[in-house]
Amino acid sequence: AAGLLDQLIVDSAGTHLHHVGEAPDPRAQTYALKRGIDLSM
């Protein structure tokens, strides 16, 4: 929205390996999507 994507590299990770390869929790996805943010990929 601020036009700054070309100035950033953004990622996320966990300190534990319990969920490696999994999509975000369905509840996190649902609540984020209510605010227009898609976490599904």
All heavy atoms as atom14 arrays in JSON, in Angstrom:
{
  "sequence": "AAGLLDQLIVDSAGTHLHHVGEAPDPRAQTYALKRGIDLSM",
  "atom14_mask": [
    [1, 1, 1, 1, 1, 0, 0, 0, 0, 0, 0, 0, 0, 0],
    [1, 1, 1, 1, 1, 0, 0, 0, 0, 0, 0, 0, 0, 0],
    [1, 1, 1, 1, 0, 0, 0, 0, 0, 0, 0, 0, 0, 0],
    [1, 1, 1, 1, 1, 1, 1, 1, 0, 0, 0, 0, 0, 0],
    [1, 1, 1, 1, 1, 1, 1, 1, 0, 0, 0, 0, 0, 0],
    [1, 1, 1, 1, 1, 1, 1, 1, 0, 0, 0, 0, 0, 0],
    [1, 1, 1, 1, 1, 1, 1, 1, 1, 0, 0, 0, 0, 0],
    [1, 1, 1, 1, 1, 1, 1, 1, 0, 0, 0, 0, 0, 0],
    [1, 1, 1, 1, 1, 1, 1, 1, 0, 0, 0, 0, 0, 0],
    [1, 1, 1, 1, 1, 1, 1, 0, 0, 0, 0, 0, 0, 0],
    [1, 1, 1, 1, 1, 1, 1, 1, 0, 0, 0, 0, 0, 0],
    [1, 1, 1, 1, 1, 1, 0, 0, 0, 0, 0, 0, 0, 0],
    [1, 1, 1, 1, 1, 0, 0, 0, 0, 0, 0, 0, 0, 0],
    [1, 1, 1, 1, 0, 0, 0, 0, 0, 0, 0, 0, 0, 0],
    [1, 1, 1, 1, 1, 1, 1, 0, 0, 0, 0, 0, 0, 0],
    [1, 1, 1, 1, 1, 1, 1, 1, 1, 1, 0, 0, 0, 0],
    [1, 1, 1, 1, 1, 1, 1, 1, 0, 0, 0, 0, 0, 0],
    [1, 1, 1, 1, 1, 1, 1, 1, 1, 1, 0, 0, 0, 0],
    [1, 1, 1, 1, 1, 1, 1, 1, 1, 1, 0, 0, 0, 0],
    [1, 1, 1, 1, 1, 1, 1, 0, 0, 0, 0, 0, 0, 0],
    [1, 1, 1, 1, 0, 0, 0, 0, 0, 0, 0, 0, 0, 0],
    [1, 1, 1, 1, 1, 1, 1, 1, 1, 0, 0, 0, 0, 0],
    [1, 1, 1, 1, 1, 0, 0, 0, 0, 0, 0, 0, 0, 0],
    [1, 1, 1, 1, 1, 1, 1, 0, 0, 0, 0, 0, 0, 0],
    [1, 1, 1, 1, 1, 1, 1, 1, 0, 0, 0, 0, 0, 0],
    [1, 1, 1, 1, 1, 1, 1, 0, 0, 0, 0, 0, 0, 0],
    [1, 1, 1, 1, 1, 1, 1, 1, 1, 1, 1, 0, 0, 0],
    [1, 1, 1, 1, 1, 0, 0, 0, 0, 0, 0, 0, 0, 0],
    [1, 1, 1, 1, 1, 1, 1, 1, 1, 0, 0, 0, 0, 0],
    [1, 1, 1, 1, 1, 1, 1, 0, 0, 0, 0, 0, 0, 0],
    [1, 1, 1, 1, 1, 1, 1, 1, 1, 1, 1, 1, 0, 0],
    [1, 1, 1, 1, 1, 0, 0, 0, 0, 0, 0, 0, 0, 0],
    [1, 1, 1, 1, 1, 1, 1, 1, 0, 0, 0, 0, 0, 0],
    [1, 1, 1, 1, 1, 1, 1, 1, 1, 0, 0, 0, 0, 0],
    [1, 1, 1, 1, 1, 1, 1, 1, 1, 1, 1, 0, 0, 0],
    [1, 1, 1, 1, 0, 0, 0, 0, 0, 0, 0, 0, 0, 0],
    [1, 1, 1, 1, 1, 1, 1, 1, 0, 0, 0, 0, 0, 0],
    [1, 1, 1, 1, 1, 1, 1, 1, 0, 0, 0, 0, 0, 0],
    [1, 1, 1, 1, 1, 1, 1, 1, 0, 0, 0, 0, 0, 0],
    [1, 1, 1, 1, 1, 1, 0, 0, 0, 0, 0, 0, 0, 0],
    [1, 1, 1, 1, 1, 1, 1, 1, 0, 0, 0, 0, 0, 0]
  ],
  "atom14_positions": [
    [[0.83, -1.21, 0.0], [0.0, 0.0, 0.0], [0.86, 1.26, 0.0], [0.48, 2.28, -0.58], [-0.94, -0.01, 1.2], [0.0, 0.0, 0.0], [0.0, 0.0, 0.0], [0.0, 0.0, 0.0], [0.0, 0.0, 0.0], [0.0, 0.0, 0.0], [0.0, 0.0, 0.0], [0.0, 0.0, 0.0], [0.0, 0.0, 0.0], [0.0, 0.0, 0.0]],
    [[2.04, 1.18, 0.62], [2.95, 2.33, 0.69], [3.86, 2.4, -0.53], [4.67, 3.32, -0.64], [3.78, 2.25, 1.96], [0.0, 0.0, 0.0], [0.0, 0.0, 0.0], [0.0, 0.0, 0.0], [0.0, 0.0, 0.0], [0.0, 0.0, 0.0], [0.0, 0.0, 0.0], [0.0, 0.0, 0.0], [0.0, 0.0, 0.0], [0.0, 0.0, 0.0]],
    [[3.77, 1.42, -1.43], [4.62, 1.41, -2.62], [6.06, 1.07, -2.33], [6.97, 1.51, -3.04], [0.0, 0.0, 0.0], [0.0, 0.0, 0.0], [0.0, 0.0, 0.0], [0.0, 0.0, 0.0], [0.0, 0.0, 0.0], [0.0, 0.0, 0.0], [0.0, 0.0, 0.0], [0.0, 0.0, 0.0], [0.0, 0.0, 0.0], [0.0, 0.0, 0.0]],
    [[6.31, 0.25, -1.32], [7.68, -0.04, -0.89], [8.11, -1.5, -1.08], [9.18, -1.88, -0.61], [7.85, 0.33, 0.58], [7.64, 1.8, 0.92], [7.68, 2.02, 2.42], [8.67, 2.66, 0.22], [0.0, 0.0, 0.0], [0.0, 0.0, 0.0], [0.0, 0.0, 0.0], [0.0, 0.0, 0.0], [0.0, 0.0, 0.0], [0.0, 0.0, 0.0]],
    [[7.3, -2.3, -1.75], [7.65, -3.71, -1.9], [9.01, -3.94, -2.54], [9.72, -4.89, -2.18], [6.58, -4.45, -2.71], [5.34, -4.9, -1.95], [4.41, -5.66, -2.87], [5.69, -5.72, -0.73], [0.0, 0.0, 0.0], [0.0, 0.0, 0.0], [0.0, 0.0, 0.0], [0.0, 0.0, 0.0], [0.0, 0.0, 0.0], [0.0, 0.0, 0.0]],
    [[9.39, -3.06, -3.46], [10.67, -3.25, -4.14], [11.87, -2.96, -3.25], [13.01, -3.23, -3.61], [10.73, -2.38, -5.4], [10.63, -0.89, -5.11], [10.03, -0.52, -4.09], [11.14, -0.1, -5.92], [0.0, 0.0, 0.0], [0.0, 0.0, 0.0], [0.0, 0.0, 0.0], [0.0, 0.0, 0.0], [0.0, 0.0, 0.0], [0.0, 0.0, 0.0]],
    [[11.62, -2.43, -2.06], [12.7, -2.11, -1.12], [12.78, -3.12, 0.03], [13.53, -2.9, 0.98], [12.49, -0.71, -0.55], [12.53, 0.38, -1.6], [12.2, 1.73, -1.01], [12.55, 2.04, 0.12], [11.51, 2.55, -1.8], [0.0, 0.0, 0.0], [0.0, 0.0, 0.0], [0.0, 0.0, 0.0], [0.0, 0.0, 0.0], [0.0, 0.0, 0.0]],
    [[12.01, -4.2, -0.07], [11.93, -5.14, 1.05], [12.05, -6.58, 0.61], [11.57, -6.97, -0.45], [10.6, -4.96, 1.77], [10.35, -3.61, 2.43], [8.88, -3.47, 2.79], [11.23, -3.46, 3.66], [0.0, 0.0, 0.0], [0.0, 0.0, 0.0], [0.0, 0.0, 0.0], [0.0, 0.0, 0.0], [0.0, 0.0, 0.0], [0.0, 0.0, 0.0]],
    [[12.66, -7.37, 1.47], [12.6, -8.83, 1.4], [12.0, -9.24, 2.74], [12.52, -8.87, 3.8], [14.0, -9.45, 1.22], [14.59, -9.03, -0.12], [13.94, -10.97, 1.35], [16.05, -9.37, -0.28], [0.0, 0.0, 0.0], [0.0, 0.0, 0.0], [0.0, 0.0, 0.0], [0.0, 0.0, 0.0], [0.0, 0.0, 0.0], [0.0, 0.0, 0.0]],
    [[10.9, -9.96, 2.7], [10.17, -10.3, 3.92], [9.89, -11.79, 3.95], [9.49, -12.38, 2.95], [8.84, -9.5, 4.0], [8.08, -9.83, 5.29], [9.1, -8.01, 3.9], [0.0, 0.0, 0.0], [0.0, 0.0, 0.0], [0.0, 0.0, 0.0], [0.0, 0.0, 0.0], [0.0, 0.0, 0.0], [0.0, 0.0, 0.0], [0.0, 0.0, 0.0]],
    [[10.09, -12.4, 5.11], [9.83, -13.83, 5.29], [9.44, -14.06, 6.74], [9.51, -13.15, 7.57], [11.09, -14.63, 4.91], [10.81, -16.1, 4.62], [9.64, -16.54, 4.69], [11.78, -16.82, 4.33], [0.0, 0.0, 0.0], [0.0, 0.0, 0.0], [0.0, 0.0, 0.0], [0.0, 0.0, 0.0], [0.0, 0.0, 0.0], [0.0, 0.0, 0.0]],
    [[9.05, -15.3, 7.03], [8.76, -15.68, 8.4], [9.27, -17.1, 8.62], [9.43, -17.87, 7.67], [7.26, -15.58, 8.7], [6.51, -16.45, 7.87], [0.0, 0.0, 0.0], [0.0, 0.0, 0.0], [0.0, 0.0, 0.0], [0.0, 0.0, 0.0], [0.0, 0.0, 0.0], [0.0, 0.0, 0.0], [0.0, 0.0, 0.0], [0.0, 0.0, 0.0]],
    [[9.51, -17.42, 9.89], [10.03, -18.75, 10.24], [9.69, -19.04, 11.7], [9.28, -18.15, 12.45], [11.54, -18.8, 10.03], [0.0, 0.0, 0.0], [0.0, 0.0, 0.0], [0.0, 0.0, 0.0], [0.0, 0.0, 0.0], [0.0, 0.0, 0.0], [0.0, 0.0, 0.0], [0.0, 0.0, 0.0], [0.0, 0.0, 0.0], [0.0, 0.0, 0.0]],
    [[9.89, -20.28, 12.08], [9.65, -20.7, 13.46], [10.92, -21.19, 14.11], [11.85, -21.64, 13.43], [0.0, 0.0, 0.0], [0.0, 0.0, 0.0], [0.0, 0.0, 0.0], [0.0, 0.0, 0.0], [0.0, 0.0, 0.0], [0.0, 0.0, 0.0], [0.0, 0.0, 0.0], [0.0, 0.0, 0.0], [0.0, 0.0, 0.0], [0.0, 0.0, 0.0]],
    [[10.95, -21.12, 15.42], [12.1, -21.64, 16.15], [12.02, -23.16, 16.3], [13.02, -23.81, 16.58], [12.21, -21.0, 17.55], [10.97, -21.19, 18.25], [12.53, -19.52, 17.44], [0.0, 0.0, 0.0], [0.0, 0.0, 0.0], [0.0, 0.0, 0.0], [0.0, 0.0, 0.0], [0.0, 0.0, 0.0], [0.0, 0.0, 0.0], [0.0, 0.0, 0.0]],
    [[10.82, -23.72, 16.14], [10.62, -25.17, 16.25], [10.26, -25.74, 14.88], [9.79, -25.02, 14.0], [9.5, -25.46, 17.24], [9.84, -25.11, 18.65], [10.01, -23.81, 19.07], [10.06, -25.88, 19.74], [10.32, -23.8, 20.37], [10.36, -25.04, 20.79], [0.0, 0.0, 0.0], [0.0, 0.0, 0.0], [0.0, 0.0, 0.0], [0.0, 0.0, 0.0]],
    [[10.42, -27.03, 14.72], [10.15, -27.65, 13.42], [8.83, -28.41, 13.36], [8.54, -29.08, 12.38], [11.32, -28.54, 12.99], [11.78, -29.65, 13.94], [10.89, -30.87, 13.9], [13.19, -30.03, 13.6], [0.0, 0.0, 0.0], [0.0, 0.0, 0.0], [0.0, 0.0, 0.0], [0.0, 0.0, 0.0], [0.0, 0.0, 0.0], [0.0, 0.0, 0.0]],
    [[7.98, -28.27, 14.37], [6.73, -29.03, 14.45], [5.84, -28.92, 13.21], [5.15, -29.85, 12.87], [5.9, -28.61, 15.66], [6.64, -28.6, 16.95], [7.38, -29.66, 17.41], [6.75, -27.64, 17.9], [7.92, -29.36, 18.58], [7.55, -28.14, 18.89], [0.0, 0.0, 0.0], [0.0, 0.0, 0.0], [0.0, 0.0, 0.0], [0.0, 0.0, 0.0]],
    [[5.81, -27.77, 12.57], [4.84, -27.52, 11.51], [5.49, -27.25, 10.14], [4.81, -26.74, 9.24], [3.95, -26.34, 11.88], [3.17, -26.56, 13.13], [2.08, -27.39, 13.19], [3.34, -26.07, 14.39], [1.59, -27.4, 14.42], [2.34, -26.61, 15.17], [0.0, 0.0, 0.0], [0.0, 0.0, 0.0], [0.0, 0.0, 0.0], [0.0, 0.0, 0.0]],
    [[6.76, -27.58, 9.97], [7.46, -27.3, 8.72], [6.66, -27.84, 7.53], [6.19, -28.98, 7.55], [8.88, -27.89, 8.74], [9.53, -27.84, 7.36], [9.74, -27.14, 9.75], [0.0, 0.0, 0.0], [0.0, 0.0, 0.0], [0.0, 0.0, 0.0], [0.0, 0.0, 0.0], [0.0, 0.0, 0.0], [0.0, 0.0, 0.0], [0.0, 0.0, 0.0]],
    [[6.47, -26.98, 6.53], [5.75, -27.36, 5.32], [4.25, -27.12, 5.38], [3.57, -27.21, 4.36], [0.0, 0.0, 0.0], [0.0, 0.0, 0.0], [0.0, 0.0, 0.0], [0.0, 0.0, 0.0], [0.0, 0.0, 0.0], [0.0, 0.0, 0.0], [0.0, 0.0, 0.0], [0.0, 0.0, 0.0], [0.0, 0.0, 0.0], [0.0, 0.0, 0.0]],
    [[3.72, -26.83, 6.55], [2.28, -26.62, 6.7], [1.89, -25.18, 6.37], [2.69, -24.25, 6.53], [1.85, -26.91, 8.14], [1.97, -28.36, 8.55], [1.53, -28.6, 9.99], [0.76, -27.78, 10.54], [1.97, -29.61, 10.56], [0.0, 0.0, 0.0], [0.0, 0.0, 0.0], [0.0, 0.0, 0.0], [0.0, 0.0, 0.0], [0.0, 0.0, 0.0]],
    [[0.65, -25.03, 5.93], [0.07, -23.7, 5.73], [-0.22, -23.09, 7.09], [-0.3, -23.8, 8.11], [-1.21, -23.81, 4.92], [0.0, 0.0, 0.0], [0.0, 0.0, 0.0], [0.0, 0.0, 0.0], [0.0, 0.0, 0.0], [0.0, 0.0, 0.0], [0.0, 0.0, 0.0], [0.0, 0.0, 0.0], [0.0, 0.0, 0.0], [0.0, 0.0, 0.0]],
    [[-0.41, -21.77, 7.16], [-0.78, -21.16, 8.43], [-2.07, -21.77, 9.0], [-2.92, -22.26, 8.25], [-0.98, -19.68, 8.07], [-0.07, -19.48, 6.89], [-0.18, -20.77, 6.12], [0.0, 0.0, 0.0], [0.0, 0.0, 0.0], [0.0, 0.0, 0.0], [0.0, 0.0, 0.0], [0.0, 0.0, 0.0], [0.0, 0.0, 0.0], [0.0, 0.0, 0.0]],
    [[-2.19, -21.71, 10.3], [-3.37, -22.2, 11.01], [-4.63, -21.66, 10.33], [-4.69, -20.47, 10.0], [-3.3, -21.72, 12.47], [-4.41, -22.26, 13.32], [-5.57, -21.82, 13.14], [-4.14, -23.1, 14.19], [0.0, 0.0, 0.0], [0.0, 0.0, 0.0], [0.0, 0.0, 0.0], [0.0, 0.0, 0.0], [0.0, 0.0, 0.0], [0.0, 0.0, 0.0]],
    [[-5.64, -22.49, 10.11], [-6.86, -22.02, 9.46], [-7.5, -20.82, 10.15], [-8.07, -19.94, 9.48], [-7.79, -23.24, 9.5], [-6.87, -24.42, 9.59], [-5.68, -23.94, 10.38], [0.0, 0.0, 0.0], [0.0, 0.0, 0.0], [0.0, 0.0, 0.0], [0.0, 0.0, 0.0], [0.0, 0.0, 0.0], [0.0, 0.0, 0.0], [0.0, 0.0, 0.0]],
    [[-7.4, -20.76, 11.47], [-7.97, -19.61, 12.19], [-7.19, -18.34, 11.88], [-7.78, -17.27, 11.69], [-7.98, -19.88, 13.7], [-8.86, -21.07, 14.07], [-8.6, -21.53, 15.49], [-7.22, -22.03, 15.6], [-6.65, -22.4, 16.74], [-7.33, -22.32, 17.88], [-5.41, -22.84, 16.77], [0.0, 0.0, 0.0], [0.0, 0.0, 0.0], [0.0, 0.0, 0.0]],
    [[-5.86, -18.44, 11.8], [-5.05, -17.27, 11.44], [-5.43, -16.81, 10.04], [-5.57, -15.61, 9.79], [-3.56, -17.61, 11.52], [0.0, 0.0, 0.0], [0.0, 0.0, 0.0], [0.0, 0.0, 0.0], [0.0, 0.0, 0.0], [0.0, 0.0, 0.0], [0.0, 0.0, 0.0], [0.0, 0.0, 0.0], [0.0, 0.0, 0.0], [0.0, 0.0, 0.0]],
    [[-5.6, -17.76, 9.13], [-5.97, -17.4, 7.77], [-7.34, -16.74, 7.72], [-7.53, -15.73, 7.02], [-5.98, -18.65, 6.88], [-4.6, -19.21, 6.61], [-4.63, -20.27, 5.55], [-5.06, -20.0, 4.43], [-4.18, -21.47, 5.9], [0.0, 0.0, 0.0], [0.0, 0.0, 0.0], [0.0, 0.0, 0.0], [0.0, 0.0, 0.0], [0.0, 0.0, 0.0]],
    [[-8.3, -17.29, 8.44], [-9.66, -16.76, 8.44], [-9.71, -15.33, 8.96], [-10.3, -14.45, 8.34], [-10.6, -17.66, 9.29], [-10.65, -18.95, 8.68], [-11.99, -17.07, 9.38], [0.0, 0.0, 0.0], [0.0, 0.0, 0.0], [0.0, 0.0, 0.0], [0.0, 0.0, 0.0], [0.0, 0.0, 0.0], [0.0, 0.0, 0.0], [0.0, 0.0, 0.0]],
    [[-9.07, -15.09, 10.1], [-9.11, -13.75, 10.69], [-8.31, -12.75, 9.87], [-8.69, -11.59, 9.75], [-8.67, -13.79, 12.15], [-9.8, -14.28, 13.02], [-9.98, -15.64, 13.26], [-10.73, -13.4, 13.55], [-11.04, -16.1, 14.01], [-11.8, -13.85, 14.31], [-11.94, -15.21, 14.54], [-13.01, -15.66, 15.28], [0.0, 0.0, 0.0], [0.0, 0.0, 0.0]],
    [[-7.21, -13.18, 9.28], [-6.43, -12.29, 8.42], [-7.24, -11.94, 7.17], [-7.27, -10.78, 6.74], [-5.1, -12.94, 8.04], [0.0, 0.0, 0.0], [0.0, 0.0, 0.0], [0.0, 0.0, 0.0], [0.0, 0.0, 0.0], [0.0, 0.0, 0.0], [0.0, 0.0, 0.0], [0.0, 0.0, 0.0], [0.0, 0.0, 0.0], [0.0, 0.0, 0.0]],
    [[-7.91, -12.93, 6.6], [-8.7, -12.7, 5.38], [-9.84, -11.71, 5.63], [-10.19, -10.93, 4.75], [-9.23, -14.03, 4.84], [-9.54, -14.09, 3.36], [-8.38, -13.59, 2.5], [-9.91, -15.51, 2.96], [0.0, 0.0, 0.0], [0.0, 0.0, 0.0], [0.0, 0.0, 0.0], [0.0, 0.0, 0.0], [0.0, 0.0, 0.0], [0.0, 0.0, 0.0]],
    [[-10.38, -11.72, 6.85], [-11.42, -10.74, 7.21], [-10.89, -9.32, 7.11], [-11.65, -8.37, 6.95], [-11.94, -10.99, 8.62], [-12.82, -12.22, 8.75], [-13.27, -12.39, 10.19], [-14.09, -13.67, 10.35], [-14.54, -13.86, 11.74], [0.0, 0.0, 0.0], [0.0, 0.0, 0.0], [0.0, 0.0, 0.0], [0.0, 0.0, 0.0], [0.0, 0.0, 0.0]],
    [[-9.58, -9.17, 7.2], [-8.94, -7.86, 7.09], [-8.26, -7.67, 5.73], [-7.46, -6.76, 5.54], [-7.93, -7.67, 8.22], [-8.59, -7.7, 9.59], [-7.65, -7.35, 10.69], [-8.22, -7.62, 11.99], [-7.81, -7.08, 13.12], [-6.8, -6.21, 13.11], [-8.38, -7.4, 14.26], [0.0, 0.0, 0.0], [0.0, 0.0, 0.0], [0.0, 0.0, 0.0]],
    [[-8.58, -8.58, 4.81], [-8.07, -8.44, 3.45], [-6.67, -8.97, 3.23], [-6.02, -8.63, 2.24], [0.0, 0.0, 0.0], [0.0, 0.0, 0.0], [0.0, 0.0, 0.0], [0.0, 0.0, 0.0], [0.0, 0.0, 0.0], [0.0, 0.0, 0.0], [0.0, 0.0, 0.0], [0.0, 0.0, 0.0], [0.0, 0.0, 0.0], [0.0, 0.0, 0.0]],
    [[-6.19, -9.83, 4.12], [-4.83, -10.35, 4.02], [-4.88, -11.86, 3.81], [-5.41, -12.59, 4.63], [-4.01, -9.99, 5.28], [-3.94, -8.48, 5.36], [-2.64, -10.63, 5.25], [-3.47, -7.91, 6.61], [0.0, 0.0, 0.0], [0.0, 0.0, 0.0], [0.0, 0.0, 0.0], [0.0, 0.0, 0.0], [0.0, 0.0, 0.0], [0.0, 0.0, 0.0]],
    [[-4.32, -12.3, 2.7], [-4.33, -13.71, 2.32], [-3.01, -14.36, 2.73], [-1.95, -13.99, 2.24], [-4.54, -13.84, 0.81], [-4.64, -15.27, 0.33], [-4.61, -16.21, 1.17], [-4.76, -15.46, -0.89], [0.0, 0.0, 0.0], [0.0, 0.0, 0.0], [0.0, 0.0, 0.0], [0.0, 0.0, 0.0], [0.0, 0.0, 0.0], [0.0, 0.0, 0.0]],
    [[-3.09, -15.33, 3.62], [-1.9, -16.05, 4.1], [-1.78, -17.44, 3.48], [-0.84, -18.18, 3.79], [-1.96, -16.22, 5.63], [-2.19, -14.98, 6.49], [-2.26, -15.38, 7.96], [-1.12, -13.95, 6.25], [0.0, 0.0, 0.0], [0.0, 0.0, 0.0], [0.0, 0.0, 0.0], [0.0, 0.0, 0.0], [0.0, 0.0, 0.0], [0.0, 0.0, 0.0]],
    [[-2.69, -17.8, 2.6], [-2.83, -19.18, 2.14], [-1.62, -19.73, 1.39], [-1.42, -20.95, 1.37], [-4.08, -19.33, 1.27], [-3.95, -18.58, 0.07], [0.0, 0.0, 0.0], [0.0, 0.0, 0.0], [0.0, 0.0, 0.0], [0.0, 0.0, 0.0], [0.0, 0.0, 0.0], [0.0, 0.0, 0.0], [0.0, 0.0, 0.0], [0.0, 0.0, 0.0]],
    [[-0.81, -18.89, 0.79], [0.33, -19.4, 0.01], [1.59, -19.61, 0.87], [2.56, -20.2, 0.39], [0.65, -18.43, -1.13], [-0.5, -18.26, -2.13], [-1.14, -19.82, -2.78], [0.25, -20.36, -3.73], [0.0, 0.0, 0.0], [0.0, 0.0, 0.0], [0.0, 0.0, 0.0], [0.0, 0.0, 0.0], [0.0, 0.0, 0.0], [0.0, 0.0, 0.0]]
  ]
}
